N, C-alpha and C. Protein backbone atom coordinates (compact mmCIF):
# COMPACT_ATOMS: atom_id res chain seq x y z
N SER A 1 -54.64 4.34 123.61
CA SER A 1 -53.75 5.43 123.25
C SER A 1 -54.13 6.73 123.95
N GLY A 2 -55.24 6.75 124.66
CA GLY A 2 -55.64 7.93 125.38
C GLY A 2 -55.03 8.01 126.78
N LEU A 3 -54.24 7.04 127.17
CA LEU A 3 -53.61 7.05 128.49
C LEU A 3 -52.35 7.89 128.46
N LYS A 4 -52.13 8.63 129.55
CA LYS A 4 -51.03 9.57 129.61
C LYS A 4 -49.65 8.91 129.51
N ASN A 5 -49.44 7.77 130.16
CA ASN A 5 -48.13 7.14 130.22
C ASN A 5 -47.90 6.08 129.16
N ILE A 6 -48.84 5.93 128.24
CA ILE A 6 -48.70 4.90 127.21
C ILE A 6 -48.69 5.55 125.84
N SER A 7 -47.72 5.19 125.04
CA SER A 7 -47.64 5.67 123.67
C SER A 7 -47.88 4.47 122.76
N VAL A 8 -48.83 4.60 121.86
CA VAL A 8 -49.18 3.52 120.94
C VAL A 8 -48.69 3.88 119.56
N ARG A 9 -47.98 2.95 118.91
CA ARG A 9 -47.48 3.18 117.56
C ARG A 9 -48.66 3.22 116.59
N PRO A 10 -48.55 4.04 115.55
CA PRO A 10 -49.63 4.09 114.55
C PRO A 10 -49.75 2.78 113.79
N THR A 11 -50.94 2.49 113.34
CA THR A 11 -51.20 1.26 112.60
C THR A 11 -50.26 1.13 111.41
N SER A 12 -49.95 2.23 110.75
CA SER A 12 -49.08 2.18 109.56
C SER A 12 -47.69 1.64 109.88
N SER A 13 -47.21 1.80 111.12
CA SER A 13 -45.88 1.31 111.45
C SER A 13 -45.86 -0.17 111.78
N VAL A 14 -47.02 -0.78 112.04
CA VAL A 14 -47.04 -2.20 112.40
C VAL A 14 -47.67 -3.09 111.32
N LEU A 15 -48.28 -2.50 110.31
CA LEU A 15 -48.93 -3.29 109.27
C LEU A 15 -47.99 -4.27 108.58
N ARG A 16 -46.75 -3.88 108.41
CA ARG A 16 -45.79 -4.76 107.70
C ARG A 16 -45.58 -6.09 108.41
N TYR A 17 -45.82 -6.14 109.72
CA TYR A 17 -45.64 -7.39 110.46
C TYR A 17 -46.81 -8.34 110.27
N GLY A 18 -47.98 -7.83 109.95
CA GLY A 18 -49.16 -8.66 109.77
C GLY A 18 -49.12 -9.49 108.49
N ALA A 19 -48.31 -9.12 107.53
CA ALA A 19 -48.25 -9.82 106.25
C ALA A 19 -47.32 -11.03 106.29
N ARG A 20 -46.57 -11.18 107.34
CA ARG A 20 -45.61 -12.28 107.43
C ARG A 20 -46.27 -13.54 107.96
N ASP A 21 -45.80 -14.71 107.48
CA ASP A 21 -46.34 -15.98 107.96
C ASP A 21 -45.93 -16.25 109.40
N THR A 22 -44.67 -16.01 109.71
CA THR A 22 -44.19 -16.20 111.07
C THR A 22 -43.64 -14.87 111.57
N ILE A 23 -44.19 -14.40 112.66
CA ILE A 23 -43.80 -13.11 113.20
C ILE A 23 -43.15 -13.33 114.56
N ASP A 24 -41.97 -12.78 114.75
CA ASP A 24 -41.30 -12.82 116.04
C ASP A 24 -41.64 -11.51 116.77
N PRO A 25 -42.52 -11.55 117.76
CA PRO A 25 -42.91 -10.32 118.45
C PRO A 25 -41.73 -9.57 119.07
N ASN A 26 -40.73 -10.31 119.54
CA ASN A 26 -39.56 -9.65 120.13
C ASN A 26 -38.76 -8.89 119.09
N ALA A 27 -38.57 -9.48 117.92
CA ALA A 27 -37.85 -8.80 116.85
C ALA A 27 -38.62 -7.55 116.41
N ALA A 28 -39.92 -7.68 116.29
CA ALA A 28 -40.75 -6.53 115.92
C ALA A 28 -40.63 -5.43 116.97
N GLY A 29 -40.69 -5.81 118.24
CA GLY A 29 -40.57 -4.84 119.32
C GLY A 29 -39.23 -4.12 119.33
N ARG A 30 -38.17 -4.87 119.06
CA ARG A 30 -36.84 -4.24 118.99
C ARG A 30 -36.75 -3.29 117.81
N GLU A 31 -37.27 -3.69 116.65
CA GLU A 31 -37.25 -2.82 115.47
C GLU A 31 -38.04 -1.53 115.71
N LEU A 32 -39.16 -1.65 116.41
CA LEU A 32 -40.01 -0.49 116.67
C LEU A 32 -39.57 0.30 117.90
N LYS A 33 -38.59 -0.24 118.63
CA LYS A 33 -38.06 0.40 119.83
C LYS A 33 -39.16 0.67 120.86
N VAL A 34 -39.91 -0.41 121.17
CA VAL A 34 -40.99 -0.32 122.15
C VAL A 34 -40.66 -1.18 123.36
N THR A 35 -41.35 -0.94 124.45
CA THR A 35 -41.16 -1.69 125.68
C THR A 35 -42.00 -2.96 125.69
N TYR A 36 -43.22 -2.87 125.16
CA TYR A 36 -44.15 -4.00 125.16
C TYR A 36 -44.74 -4.21 123.77
N VAL A 37 -45.12 -5.44 123.49
CA VAL A 37 -45.83 -5.79 122.26
C VAL A 37 -47.05 -6.61 122.65
N LEU A 38 -48.19 -6.28 122.05
CA LEU A 38 -49.39 -7.08 122.22
C LEU A 38 -49.48 -7.98 120.99
N ASP A 39 -49.36 -9.28 121.22
CA ASP A 39 -49.36 -10.28 120.15
C ASP A 39 -50.66 -11.06 120.23
N GLY A 40 -51.23 -11.41 119.11
CA GLY A 40 -52.49 -12.14 119.16
C GLY A 40 -52.75 -12.98 117.93
N ARG A 41 -53.67 -13.91 118.09
CA ARG A 41 -54.08 -14.80 117.01
C ARG A 41 -55.60 -14.92 117.03
N ILE A 42 -56.18 -15.08 115.86
CA ILE A 42 -57.62 -15.32 115.75
C ILE A 42 -57.80 -16.61 114.97
N GLN A 43 -58.61 -17.51 115.52
CA GLN A 43 -58.92 -18.78 114.87
C GLN A 43 -60.43 -18.90 114.75
N GLN A 44 -60.89 -19.45 113.62
CA GLN A 44 -62.31 -19.68 113.46
C GLN A 44 -62.54 -21.07 112.91
N VAL A 45 -63.46 -21.79 113.54
CA VAL A 45 -63.91 -23.09 113.07
C VAL A 45 -65.43 -23.05 113.13
N GLY A 46 -66.05 -23.12 111.97
CA GLY A 46 -67.51 -23.00 111.93
C GLY A 46 -67.92 -21.66 112.50
N LYS A 47 -68.82 -21.69 113.47
CA LYS A 47 -69.26 -20.45 114.11
C LYS A 47 -68.47 -20.11 115.36
N ARG A 48 -67.50 -20.93 115.70
CA ARG A 48 -66.71 -20.70 116.91
C ARG A 48 -65.47 -19.86 116.57
N VAL A 49 -65.23 -18.83 117.36
CA VAL A 49 -64.09 -17.94 117.17
C VAL A 49 -63.28 -17.90 118.47
N ARG A 50 -61.97 -18.04 118.35
CA ARG A 50 -61.08 -17.96 119.50
C ARG A 50 -60.05 -16.86 119.24
N VAL A 51 -59.92 -15.96 120.21
CA VAL A 51 -58.90 -14.91 120.17
C VAL A 51 -57.94 -15.18 121.32
N THR A 52 -56.68 -15.33 120.99
CA THR A 52 -55.63 -15.56 121.98
C THR A 52 -54.67 -14.39 121.89
N SER A 53 -54.33 -13.79 123.03
CA SER A 53 -53.41 -12.65 123.00
C SER A 53 -52.49 -12.68 124.21
N GLN A 54 -51.37 -11.99 124.05
CA GLN A 54 -50.42 -11.88 125.16
C GLN A 54 -49.67 -10.55 125.06
N LEU A 55 -49.40 -9.98 126.21
CA LEU A 55 -48.61 -8.75 126.31
C LEU A 55 -47.20 -9.16 126.70
N ILE A 56 -46.23 -8.84 125.86
CA ILE A 56 -44.85 -9.29 126.04
C ILE A 56 -43.95 -8.09 126.35
N LYS A 57 -43.17 -8.22 127.41
CA LYS A 57 -42.15 -7.22 127.74
C LYS A 57 -40.91 -7.56 126.92
N ILE A 58 -40.54 -6.69 126.00
CA ILE A 58 -39.50 -6.99 125.03
C ILE A 58 -38.13 -7.20 125.67
N ARG A 59 -37.75 -6.36 126.61
CA ARG A 59 -36.41 -6.46 127.22
C ARG A 59 -36.15 -7.84 127.81
N ASP A 60 -37.16 -8.42 128.47
CA ASP A 60 -36.97 -9.70 129.16
C ASP A 60 -37.59 -10.89 128.42
N ASN A 61 -38.28 -10.62 127.31
CA ASN A 61 -39.06 -11.65 126.62
C ASN A 61 -40.01 -12.34 127.61
N GLU A 62 -40.65 -11.51 128.45
CA GLU A 62 -41.51 -12.01 129.52
C GLU A 62 -42.97 -11.72 129.18
N THR A 63 -43.83 -12.72 129.34
CA THR A 63 -45.26 -12.52 129.16
C THR A 63 -45.81 -11.87 130.41
N ILE A 64 -46.33 -10.66 130.27
CA ILE A 64 -46.89 -9.90 131.38
C ILE A 64 -48.35 -10.29 131.61
N TRP A 65 -49.06 -10.56 130.52
CA TRP A 65 -50.47 -10.92 130.59
C TRP A 65 -50.79 -11.79 129.38
N ALA A 66 -51.69 -12.73 129.55
CA ALA A 66 -52.18 -13.55 128.44
C ALA A 66 -53.65 -13.85 128.66
N GLY A 67 -54.37 -13.96 127.57
CA GLY A 67 -55.79 -14.26 127.67
C GLY A 67 -56.27 -15.02 126.45
N GLN A 68 -57.33 -15.77 126.66
CA GLN A 68 -57.96 -16.52 125.57
C GLN A 68 -59.46 -16.31 125.69
N PHE A 69 -60.08 -15.98 124.58
CA PHE A 69 -61.49 -15.66 124.57
C PHE A 69 -62.18 -16.49 123.50
N ASP A 70 -63.24 -17.20 123.87
CA ASP A 70 -63.98 -18.05 122.95
C ASP A 70 -65.42 -17.53 122.86
N GLU A 71 -65.92 -17.36 121.65
CA GLU A 71 -67.28 -16.90 121.42
C GLU A 71 -67.82 -17.55 120.16
N GLN A 72 -69.12 -17.52 120.03
CA GLN A 72 -69.77 -17.89 118.78
C GLN A 72 -69.72 -16.67 117.87
N SER A 73 -69.50 -16.87 116.58
CA SER A 73 -69.32 -15.73 115.68
C SER A 73 -70.56 -14.85 115.60
N ASP A 74 -71.75 -15.38 115.85
CA ASP A 74 -72.94 -14.53 115.83
C ASP A 74 -73.07 -13.71 117.10
N ASP A 75 -72.22 -13.98 118.13
CA ASP A 75 -72.20 -13.20 119.37
C ASP A 75 -70.88 -12.47 119.56
N ILE A 76 -70.08 -12.33 118.52
CA ILE A 76 -68.69 -11.88 118.65
C ILE A 76 -68.57 -10.47 119.24
N LEU A 77 -69.50 -9.59 118.99
CA LEU A 77 -69.39 -8.22 119.50
C LEU A 77 -69.89 -8.07 120.94
N LYS A 78 -70.41 -9.13 121.51
CA LYS A 78 -70.82 -9.09 122.92
C LYS A 78 -69.59 -9.14 123.77
């Protein structure tokens, strides 16, 4: 949010989407009137943690970037 050309919505405006079982990132982006949405999932099995995320361009429903990160939970902040 410290970048000049990027405006980040406050946490309070996006919290309502986190409570839903199935979230459509495009619908959320249209409701919030944003250009991009960062969507992500966190999975944990035992000590293994996987974070999967993608940056979606709302107008085109196009994935601009995607990443998957796997760590042990005792090393998660590394």
